[in-house]
Structures are given as C-alpha cells and as structure tokens.
Protein backbone atom coordinates (compact mmCIF):
# COMPACT_ATOMS: atom_id res chain seq x y z
CA MET A 1 115.42 -25.84 -155.67
CA LEU A 2 112.19 -24.31 -156.92
CA ALA A 3 113.71 -20.83 -156.95
CA VAL A 4 116.59 -22.02 -159.13
CA LEU A 5 114.20 -23.87 -161.43
CA GLY A 6 112.07 -20.73 -161.68
CA VAL A 7 115.05 -18.56 -162.61
CA PHE A 8 116.19 -21.08 -165.21
CA PHE A 9 112.67 -21.13 -166.65
CA VAL A 10 112.56 -17.32 -166.83
CA LEU A 11 116.02 -17.21 -168.45
CA HIS A 12 114.97 -19.91 -170.96
CA LYS A 13 117.89 -22.11 -169.95
CA GLU A 14 117.92 -25.80 -170.75
CA ILE A 15 117.47 -28.20 -167.82
CA ASN A 16 120.07 -30.86 -168.52
CA LEU A 17 121.81 -33.49 -166.44
CA LEU A 18 124.27 -30.98 -164.95
CA ILE A 19 121.41 -28.78 -163.73
CA VAL A 20 119.71 -31.78 -162.14
CA THR A 21 123.01 -32.61 -160.44
CA ALA A 22 123.28 -29.02 -159.18
CA LEU A 23 119.70 -29.16 -157.87
CA LEU A 24 120.35 -32.39 -155.99
CA THR A 25 123.53 -30.91 -154.55
CA LEU A 26 121.55 -27.87 -153.43
CA ALA A 27 118.97 -30.04 -151.75
CA GLY A 28 121.66 -31.71 -149.68
CA TYR A 29 123.42 -28.44 -148.92
CA SER A 30 120.25 -26.68 -147.81
CA LEU A 31 119.04 -29.66 -145.80
CA THR A 32 122.36 -29.90 -143.96
CA ASP A 33 122.27 -26.18 -143.20
CA THR A 34 118.73 -26.45 -141.84
CA VAL A 35 119.66 -29.46 -139.72
CA VAL A 36 122.54 -27.49 -138.16
CA VAL A 37 120.17 -24.69 -137.16
CA PHE A 38 117.51 -27.05 -135.83
CA ASP A 39 120.09 -29.10 -133.94
CA ARG A 40 121.26 -25.96 -132.16
CA ILE A 41 117.63 -25.14 -131.33
CA ARG A 42 117.21 -28.64 -129.92
CA GLU A 43 120.38 -28.33 -127.81
CA ASN A 44 119.29 -24.95 -126.45
CA LEU A 45 115.81 -26.29 -125.79
CA LYS A 46 117.28 -28.93 -123.48
CA ARG A 47 119.41 -26.36 -121.63
CA ASN A 48 116.93 -23.47 -121.36
CA ARG A 49 113.47 -24.98 -121.02
CA ARG A 50 112.11 -21.87 -119.28
CA ASP A 51 112.90 -19.45 -122.10
CA PRO A 52 110.11 -18.77 -124.60
CA LEU A 53 110.59 -20.48 -127.95
CA PRO A 54 111.00 -17.28 -130.03
CA LYS A 55 113.89 -16.16 -127.79
CA LEU A 56 115.41 -19.65 -127.89
CA VAL A 57 115.21 -19.76 -131.70
CA ASN A 58 116.70 -16.28 -131.98
CA ASP A 59 119.60 -17.19 -129.68
CA SER A 60 120.19 -20.42 -131.60
CA ILE A 61 120.26 -18.60 -134.95
CA ASN A 62 122.72 -16.06 -133.55
CA GLU A 63 125.00 -18.90 -132.40
CA VAL A 64 125.17 -20.59 -135.82
CA LEU A 65 124.94 -17.48 -138.01
CA SER A 66 128.67 -16.85 -138.24
CA ARG A 67 129.34 -20.49 -139.18
CA THR A 68 126.62 -20.42 -141.80
CA ILE A 69 127.79 -17.16 -143.34
CA ILE A 70 131.43 -18.25 -143.44
CA THR A 71 130.51 -21.56 -145.06
CA SER A 72 128.28 -19.90 -147.65
CA LEU A 73 130.80 -17.17 -148.46
CA THR A 74 133.52 -19.77 -148.96
CA VAL A 75 131.34 -21.62 -151.45
CA VAL A 76 130.32 -18.37 -153.17
CA LEU A 77 133.97 -17.32 -153.50
CA VAL A 78 134.57 -20.48 -155.51
CA LEU A 79 131.39 -20.30 -157.56
CA VAL A 80 131.69 -16.68 -158.76
CA PRO A 81 134.91 -17.32 -160.74
CA LEU A 82 133.36 -20.52 -162.12
CA VAL A 83 130.34 -18.56 -163.34
CA LEU A 84 132.50 -15.84 -164.87
CA PHE A 85 135.40 -17.89 -166.28
CA GLY A 86 134.24 -21.52 -166.19
CA GLY A 87 133.39 -21.84 -169.82
CA GLU A 88 130.23 -22.97 -171.54
CA VAL A 89 129.98 -26.36 -169.85
CA LEU A 90 130.39 -25.14 -166.28
CA HIS A 91 128.47 -21.88 -166.58
CA ASP A 92 124.92 -23.15 -166.07
CA PHE A 93 125.99 -25.66 -163.42
CA SER A 94 127.87 -23.10 -161.37
CA LEU A 95 125.13 -20.49 -161.89
CA ALA A 96 122.56 -22.92 -160.51
CA LEU A 97 124.80 -23.69 -157.54
CA LEU A 98 125.46 -19.99 -156.89
CA MET A 99 121.79 -19.06 -156.92
CA GLY A 100 120.92 -22.11 -154.84
CA VAL A 101 123.55 -21.46 -152.17
CA ILE A 102 122.32 -17.90 -151.72
CA VAL A 103 118.63 -18.83 -151.60
CA GLY A 104 119.29 -22.00 -149.57
CA THR A 105 121.29 -20.17 -146.91
CA TYR A 106 118.59 -17.53 -146.63
CA SER A 107 115.81 -20.09 -146.35
CA SER A 108 117.66 -22.29 -143.86
CA VAL A 109 118.23 -19.45 -141.45
CA PHE A 110 115.46 -16.93 -142.03
CA VAL A 111 112.55 -19.08 -143.21
CA ALA A 112 112.76 -22.52 -141.59
CA SER A 113 113.20 -21.26 -138.02
CA PRO A 114 110.32 -18.75 -138.09
CA VAL A 115 108.13 -21.52 -139.54
CA LEU A 116 109.00 -23.56 -136.44
CA VAL A 117 107.91 -20.69 -134.18
CA VAL A 118 104.65 -20.18 -136.10
CA TRP A 119 103.99 -23.93 -136.03
CA HIS A 120 104.62 -23.93 -132.28
CA THR A 121 102.14 -21.09 -131.65
CA LYS A 122 99.50 -22.62 -133.95
CA SER A 123 99.75 -25.95 -132.12
CA GLY A 124 98.93 -24.31 -128.81
CA GLY A 125 102.45 -24.12 -127.45
CA ARG A 126 103.14 -27.86 -127.33
CA LEU A 127 106.62 -29.08 -128.10
CA ILE A 128 107.26 -32.65 -129.13
CA SER A 129 110.64 -33.59 -127.73
CA LYS A 130 112.11 -36.44 -125.77
C-alpha cells in the first residue's frame, strides 16, 4: 500500500475515494497471498520437523509459487486493458490495483518469508507452534 501511495505522490495524482478503495483491496489481496504462503510453511513444518527452517521455507515457496504467479497474471491480464482503455474514471483505480498486485505479489513471496527466517534466527532458533 505504501509503495502505491508513494508512486501516486510522485506522479502528483489525487488520492480520492476510488484510490482508497483500491488500497483497501490491495491490503486484502496481499494479506491473503501472504497467508497462503505461511499456511504452506506451517503445513510443511508439521510434516518435516527435522529440516532446517530455510530449506522448509524455500520448499514451501516453491510449492505455492505457480499458484501465486497464475493468480497474479490473471489479475494483471484484466488490469492492463483497464489501465489502457478504461477511461478517465477507471484509469487511476486500475493503475493503483496494477501496481499493488505486482508489488504485493513480490512482497508476499520474496519479502515476508525471508523475514520469517531472519526472525527465527534472531530469536535463537525457537519456533512458536502448537
């Protein structure tokens, strides 16, 4: 959300109700994507307790990567024509969604999971799970 807000600030675009709606949609989209990755990590953690966490996280990301890419590309395929041909009303809304889907997919897969691994190593290797 902050990346999209930053781009809109740099482009001197107005933040109106449609942009706020797009930002809230992006928050839900990105959160759901992150939950899918973390849920797969949790499932693999139960099955493979002996594997080190970095390997487990890497395997989990590889398992959900195709689903994540297909979902994001499907959304992008709809948003690109909306940005190009959607008219004045839909342009900023679809532009915010397009930027947010790209940044949100990247952060869900390639930022959130490594943060988990760093957090795990900083906490001394303890995992909190039931």
